[in-house]
Amino acid sequence: MAITEQDITRLTQLASLELNSAEIKRTTDELSGILTLIDTIKAANTEGASPMSHPLCGKQTVSLRLRPDEAKAAATAEQRDQLMSNAPASSEGLFLVPTVIE
């Protein structure tokens, strides 16, 4: 599938982006290169290959170290405040988020 400059122009309009003609040309070339790479990868014979959970699975046995997914309360109010310090908005140790359903 070939990407044309008209396709890029249409995408920039849909995304409300402004690109000059040089940027449109560069983006067209980059996306065409990506699609060519995808076609090359799709052409590879993968018959009989099993999926791998890790890139090294084909060479060695890999066990993934996963921690249990469980909620833990903060030990102290200071620790809770430190954990919440990056939240844009919080109240009483809870994240405040904008209302999305009215």
N, C-alpha and C. Protein backbone atom coordinates (compact mmCIF):
# COMPACT_ATOMS: atom_id res chain seq x y z
N MET A 1 0.85 -1.18 0.00
CA MET A 1 0.00 0.00 0.00
C MET A 1 0.89 1.24 0.00
N ALA A 2 0.68 2.07 -0.97
CA ALA A 2 1.50 3.28 -1.07
C ALA A 2 0.78 4.45 -0.39
N ILE A 3 1.56 5.24 0.30
CA ILE A 3 1.04 6.45 0.95
C ILE A 3 1.37 7.63 0.03
N THR A 4 0.39 8.45 -0.23
CA THR A 4 0.62 9.61 -1.08
C THR A 4 0.62 10.88 -0.24
N GLU A 5 1.09 11.95 -0.82
CA GLU A 5 1.09 13.24 -0.12
C GLU A 5 -0.34 13.70 0.16
N GLN A 6 -1.29 13.30 -0.71
CA GLN A 6 -2.69 13.64 -0.47
C GLN A 6 -3.21 12.92 0.79
N ASP A 7 -2.76 11.67 1.00
CA ASP A 7 -3.14 10.95 2.22
C ASP A 7 -2.63 11.67 3.46
N ILE A 8 -1.39 12.11 3.41
CA ILE A 8 -0.79 12.81 4.55
C ILE A 8 -1.52 14.14 4.78
N THR A 9 -1.83 14.85 3.73
CA THR A 9 -2.55 16.11 3.86
C THR A 9 -3.91 15.88 4.51
N ARG A 10 -4.59 14.83 4.09
CA ARG A 10 -5.90 14.51 4.69
C ARG A 10 -5.74 14.14 6.17
N LEU A 11 -4.73 13.35 6.50
CA LEU A 11 -4.50 12.99 7.89
C LEU A 11 -4.18 14.20 8.75
N THR A 12 -3.39 15.14 8.21
CA THR A 12 -3.07 16.33 8.99
C THR A 12 -4.32 17.18 9.24
N GLN A 13 -5.22 17.20 8.27
CA GLN A 13 -6.48 17.93 8.47
C GLN A 13 -7.32 17.25 9.54
N LEU A 14 -7.40 15.92 9.51
CA LEU A 14 -8.19 15.19 10.50
C LEU A 14 -7.60 15.35 11.90
N ALA A 15 -6.28 15.43 11.98
CA ALA A 15 -5.61 15.55 13.27
C ALA A 15 -5.40 17.00 13.69
N SER A 16 -5.86 17.93 12.89
CA SER A 16 -5.69 19.37 13.15
C SER A 16 -4.22 19.73 13.32
N LEU A 17 -3.39 19.21 12.42
CA LEU A 17 -1.97 19.52 12.42
C LEU A 17 -1.64 20.40 11.23
N GLU A 18 -0.58 21.15 11.36
CA GLU A 18 -0.11 21.98 10.25
C GLU A 18 1.29 21.53 9.87
N LEU A 19 1.45 21.04 8.65
CA LEU A 19 2.76 20.64 8.14
C LEU A 19 3.03 21.41 6.86
N ASN A 20 4.28 21.85 6.71
CA ASN A 20 4.64 22.49 5.46
C ASN A 20 4.94 21.42 4.42
N SER A 21 5.21 21.81 3.19
CA SER A 21 5.39 20.84 2.11
C SER A 21 6.59 19.93 2.34
N ALA A 22 7.66 20.45 2.94
CA ALA A 22 8.84 19.61 3.22
C ALA A 22 8.51 18.56 4.28
N GLU A 23 7.74 18.95 5.29
CA GLU A 23 7.36 18.00 6.34
C GLU A 23 6.40 16.94 5.80
N ILE A 24 5.52 17.35 4.91
CA ILE A 24 4.60 16.39 4.28
C ILE A 24 5.39 15.39 3.45
N LYS A 25 6.36 15.85 2.69
CA LYS A 25 7.19 14.96 1.87
C LYS A 25 7.96 13.98 2.77
N ARG A 26 8.58 14.49 3.85
CA ARG A 26 9.34 13.64 4.75
C ARG A 26 8.44 12.61 5.42
N THR A 27 7.25 13.03 5.87
CA THR A 27 6.32 12.12 6.51
C THR A 27 5.84 11.05 5.54
N THR A 28 5.59 11.44 4.30
CA THR A 28 5.19 10.47 3.27
C THR A 28 6.28 9.43 3.08
N ASP A 29 7.52 9.86 2.97
CA ASP A 29 8.64 8.93 2.78
C ASP A 29 8.80 8.01 3.99
N GLU A 30 8.69 8.56 5.20
CA GLU A 30 8.86 7.76 6.42
C GLU A 30 7.75 6.72 6.55
N LEU A 31 6.50 7.11 6.32
CA LEU A 31 5.40 6.16 6.42
C LEU A 31 5.48 5.10 5.32
N SER A 32 5.89 5.49 4.14
CA SER A 32 6.07 4.50 3.06
C SER A 32 7.15 3.50 3.43
N GLY A 33 8.23 3.98 4.06
CA GLY A 33 9.29 3.08 4.51
C GLY A 33 8.80 2.12 5.58
N ILE A 34 7.98 2.62 6.50
CA ILE A 34 7.42 1.76 7.54
C ILE A 34 6.53 0.69 6.94
N LEU A 35 5.68 1.07 5.99
CA LEU A 35 4.81 0.09 5.35
C LEU A 35 5.60 -0.94 4.55
N THR A 36 6.69 -0.53 3.93
CA THR A 36 7.56 -1.46 3.22
C THR A 36 8.18 -2.45 4.21
N LEU A 37 8.62 -1.98 5.34
CA LEU A 37 9.18 -2.85 6.38
C LEU A 37 8.13 -3.84 6.87
N ILE A 38 6.90 -3.39 7.06
CA ILE A 38 5.83 -4.28 7.50
C ILE A 38 5.58 -5.35 6.46
N ASP A 39 5.58 -4.98 5.18
CA ASP A 39 5.39 -5.97 4.12
C ASP A 39 6.52 -7.00 4.13
N THR A 40 7.74 -6.55 4.39
CA THR A 40 8.89 -7.47 4.45
C THR A 40 8.72 -8.44 5.62
N ILE A 41 8.30 -7.94 6.75
CA ILE A 41 8.10 -8.80 7.92
C ILE A 41 6.97 -9.79 7.68
N LYS A 42 5.88 -9.33 7.05
CA LYS A 42 4.75 -10.22 6.77
C LYS A 42 5.14 -11.33 5.80
N ALA A 43 6.14 -11.10 4.96
CA ALA A 43 6.55 -12.09 3.97
C ALA A 43 7.39 -13.21 4.59
N ALA A 44 7.85 -13.03 5.83
CA ALA A 44 8.68 -14.05 6.48
C ALA A 44 7.85 -15.31 6.75
N ASN A 45 8.46 -16.46 6.54
CA ASN A 45 7.80 -17.74 6.79
C ASN A 45 7.83 -18.03 8.29
N THR A 46 6.67 -18.02 8.92
CA THR A 46 6.58 -18.29 10.35
C THR A 46 5.86 -19.60 10.64
N GLU A 47 5.70 -20.42 9.62
CA GLU A 47 5.02 -21.69 9.81
C GLU A 47 5.80 -22.57 10.78
N GLY A 48 5.13 -23.09 11.76
CA GLY A 48 5.78 -23.95 12.75
C GLY A 48 6.45 -23.20 13.88
N ALA A 49 6.48 -21.89 13.83
CA ALA A 49 7.10 -21.11 14.89
C ALA A 49 6.08 -20.89 16.00
N SER A 50 6.49 -21.08 17.22
CA SER A 50 5.58 -20.85 18.34
C SER A 50 5.84 -19.47 18.93
N PRO A 51 4.79 -18.85 19.46
CA PRO A 51 4.96 -17.52 20.05
C PRO A 51 5.91 -17.57 21.25
N MET A 52 6.65 -16.50 21.45
CA MET A 52 7.57 -16.42 22.59
C MET A 52 7.09 -15.33 23.54
N SER A 53 7.26 -15.59 24.82
CA SER A 53 6.88 -14.58 25.81
C SER A 53 8.04 -13.64 26.11
N HIS A 54 9.22 -14.00 25.63
CA HIS A 54 10.42 -13.21 25.88
C HIS A 54 11.38 -13.44 24.72
N PRO A 55 12.14 -12.44 24.28
CA PRO A 55 13.04 -12.60 23.14
C PRO A 55 14.09 -13.70 23.33
N LEU A 56 14.43 -14.02 24.56
CA LEU A 56 15.46 -15.03 24.81
C LEU A 56 14.89 -16.44 24.94
N CYS A 57 13.58 -16.62 24.84
CA CYS A 57 12.97 -17.93 25.02
C CYS A 57 13.52 -18.97 24.04
N GLY A 58 13.92 -18.55 22.87
CA GLY A 58 14.45 -19.49 21.89
C GLY A 58 15.83 -20.00 22.26
N LYS A 59 16.56 -19.31 23.10
CA LYS A 59 17.94 -19.67 23.45
C LYS A 59 18.06 -20.28 24.84
N GLN A 60 17.20 -19.89 25.76
CA GLN A 60 17.32 -20.36 27.14
C GLN A 60 15.96 -20.33 27.82
N THR A 61 15.86 -21.01 28.93
CA THR A 61 14.63 -20.99 29.70
C THR A 61 14.56 -19.68 30.49
N VAL A 62 13.46 -18.99 30.32
CA VAL A 62 13.29 -17.70 30.98
C VAL A 62 12.07 -17.79 31.88
N SER A 63 12.26 -17.45 33.13
CA SER A 63 11.12 -17.35 34.04
C SER A 63 10.92 -15.88 34.37
N LEU A 64 9.71 -15.42 34.17
CA LEU A 64 9.41 -14.02 34.41
C LEU A 64 9.17 -13.80 35.91
N ARG A 65 9.80 -12.78 36.44
CA ARG A 65 9.63 -12.45 37.85
C ARG A 65 8.52 -11.44 37.99
N LEU A 66 7.36 -11.92 38.37
CA LEU A 66 6.21 -11.04 38.52
C LEU A 66 5.82 -10.97 39.98
N ARG A 67 5.48 -9.79 40.43
CA ARG A 67 5.02 -9.64 41.80
C ARG A 67 3.50 -9.82 41.81
N PRO A 68 2.97 -10.22 42.95
CA PRO A 68 1.51 -10.35 43.03
C PRO A 68 0.84 -8.98 42.86
N ASP A 69 -0.26 -8.96 42.17
CA ASP A 69 -0.99 -7.72 41.93
C ASP A 69 -1.99 -7.52 43.06
N GLU A 70 -1.56 -6.83 44.09
CA GLU A 70 -2.44 -6.61 45.23
C GLU A 70 -2.27 -5.18 45.73
N ALA A 71 -3.38 -4.61 46.17
CA ALA A 71 -3.35 -3.24 46.69
C ALA A 71 -2.79 -3.25 48.10
N LYS A 72 -1.98 -2.27 48.40
CA LYS A 72 -1.42 -2.15 49.74
C LYS A 72 -1.66 -0.72 50.24
N ALA A 73 -2.08 -0.62 51.46
CA ALA A 73 -2.29 0.70 52.05
C ALA A 73 -0.94 1.30 52.43
N ALA A 74 -0.87 2.62 52.38
CA ALA A 74 0.35 3.31 52.80
C ALA A 74 0.51 3.14 54.31
N ALA A 75 1.75 2.96 54.75
CA ALA A 75 2.01 2.71 56.17
C ALA A 75 1.71 3.94 57.02
N THR A 76 2.01 5.13 56.49
CA THR A 76 1.80 6.36 57.27
C THR A 76 1.17 7.41 56.38
N ALA A 77 0.64 8.44 56.99
CA ALA A 77 0.07 9.55 56.24
C ALA A 77 1.14 10.26 55.42
N GLU A 78 2.36 10.34 55.95
CA GLU A 78 3.45 10.97 55.21
C GLU A 78 3.79 10.18 53.95
N GLN A 79 3.80 8.85 54.08
CA GLN A 79 4.08 8.01 52.92
C GLN A 79 2.98 8.16 51.88
N ARG A 80 1.72 8.22 52.33
CA ARG A 80 0.61 8.40 51.41
C ARG A 80 0.74 9.74 50.69
N ASP A 81 1.08 10.80 51.43
CA ASP A 81 1.24 12.12 50.82
C ASP A 81 2.37 12.11 49.80
N GLN A 82 3.45 11.40 50.09
CA GLN A 82 4.56 11.31 49.14
C GLN A 82 4.12 10.56 47.88
N LEU A 83 3.37 9.47 48.04
CA LEU A 83 2.89 8.71 46.89
C LEU A 83 1.92 9.53 46.04
N MET A 84 1.14 10.39 46.68
CA MET A 84 0.15 11.19 45.97
C MET A 84 0.70 12.51 45.43
N SER A 85 1.97 12.79 45.67
CA SER A 85 2.54 14.09 45.30
C SER A 85 2.51 14.36 43.80
N ASN A 86 2.52 13.33 42.98
CA ASN A 86 2.50 13.54 41.52
C ASN A 86 1.09 13.63 40.95
N ALA A 87 0.07 13.39 41.77
CA ALA A 87 -1.30 13.43 41.29
C ALA A 87 -1.70 14.87 40.98
N PRO A 88 -2.36 15.10 39.85
CA PRO A 88 -2.79 16.46 39.53
C PRO A 88 -3.79 16.99 40.55
N ALA A 89 -4.63 16.09 41.09
CA ALA A 89 -5.61 16.51 42.10
C ALA A 89 -5.91 15.31 43.00
N SER A 90 -5.95 15.55 44.30
CA SER A 90 -6.25 14.47 45.24
C SER A 90 -6.94 15.06 46.47
N SER A 91 -7.64 14.18 47.18
CA SER A 91 -8.32 14.58 48.40
C SER A 91 -8.42 13.37 49.31
N GLU A 92 -7.92 13.50 50.52
CA GLU A 92 -7.98 12.45 51.53
C GLU A 92 -7.39 11.14 51.01
N GLY A 93 -6.30 11.23 50.27
CA GLY A 93 -5.62 10.04 49.77
C GLY A 93 -6.24 9.42 48.55
N LEU A 94 -7.18 10.09 47.92
CA LEU A 94 -7.84 9.57 46.72
C LEU A 94 -7.53 10.47 45.54
N PHE A 95 -7.40 9.86 44.35
CA PHE A 95 -7.21 10.63 43.13
C PHE A 95 -8.52 11.28 42.74
N LEU A 96 -8.47 12.55 42.40
CA LEU A 96 -9.65 13.24 41.88
C LEU A 96 -9.53 13.31 40.37
N VAL A 97 -10.61 12.89 39.68
CA VAL A 97 -10.61 12.90 38.22
C VAL A 97 -11.81 13.68 37.74
N PRO A 98 -11.73 14.22 36.52
CA PRO A 98 -12.88 14.97 36.00
C PRO A 98 -14.09 14.05 35.78
N THR A 99 -15.27 14.60 35.93
CA THR A 99 -16.49 13.85 35.67
C THR A 99 -16.60 13.59 34.19
N VAL A 100 -16.84 12.33 33.81
CA VAL A 100 -16.97 12.00 32.40
C VAL A 100 -18.40 11.59 32.05
N ILE A 101 -19.21 11.28 33.05
CA ILE A 101 -20.61 10.93 32.83
C ILE A 101 -21.45 11.96 33.57
N GLU A 102 -22.37 12.57 32.86
CA GLU A 102 -23.21 13.58 33.48
C GLU A 102 -24.59 13.06 33.73
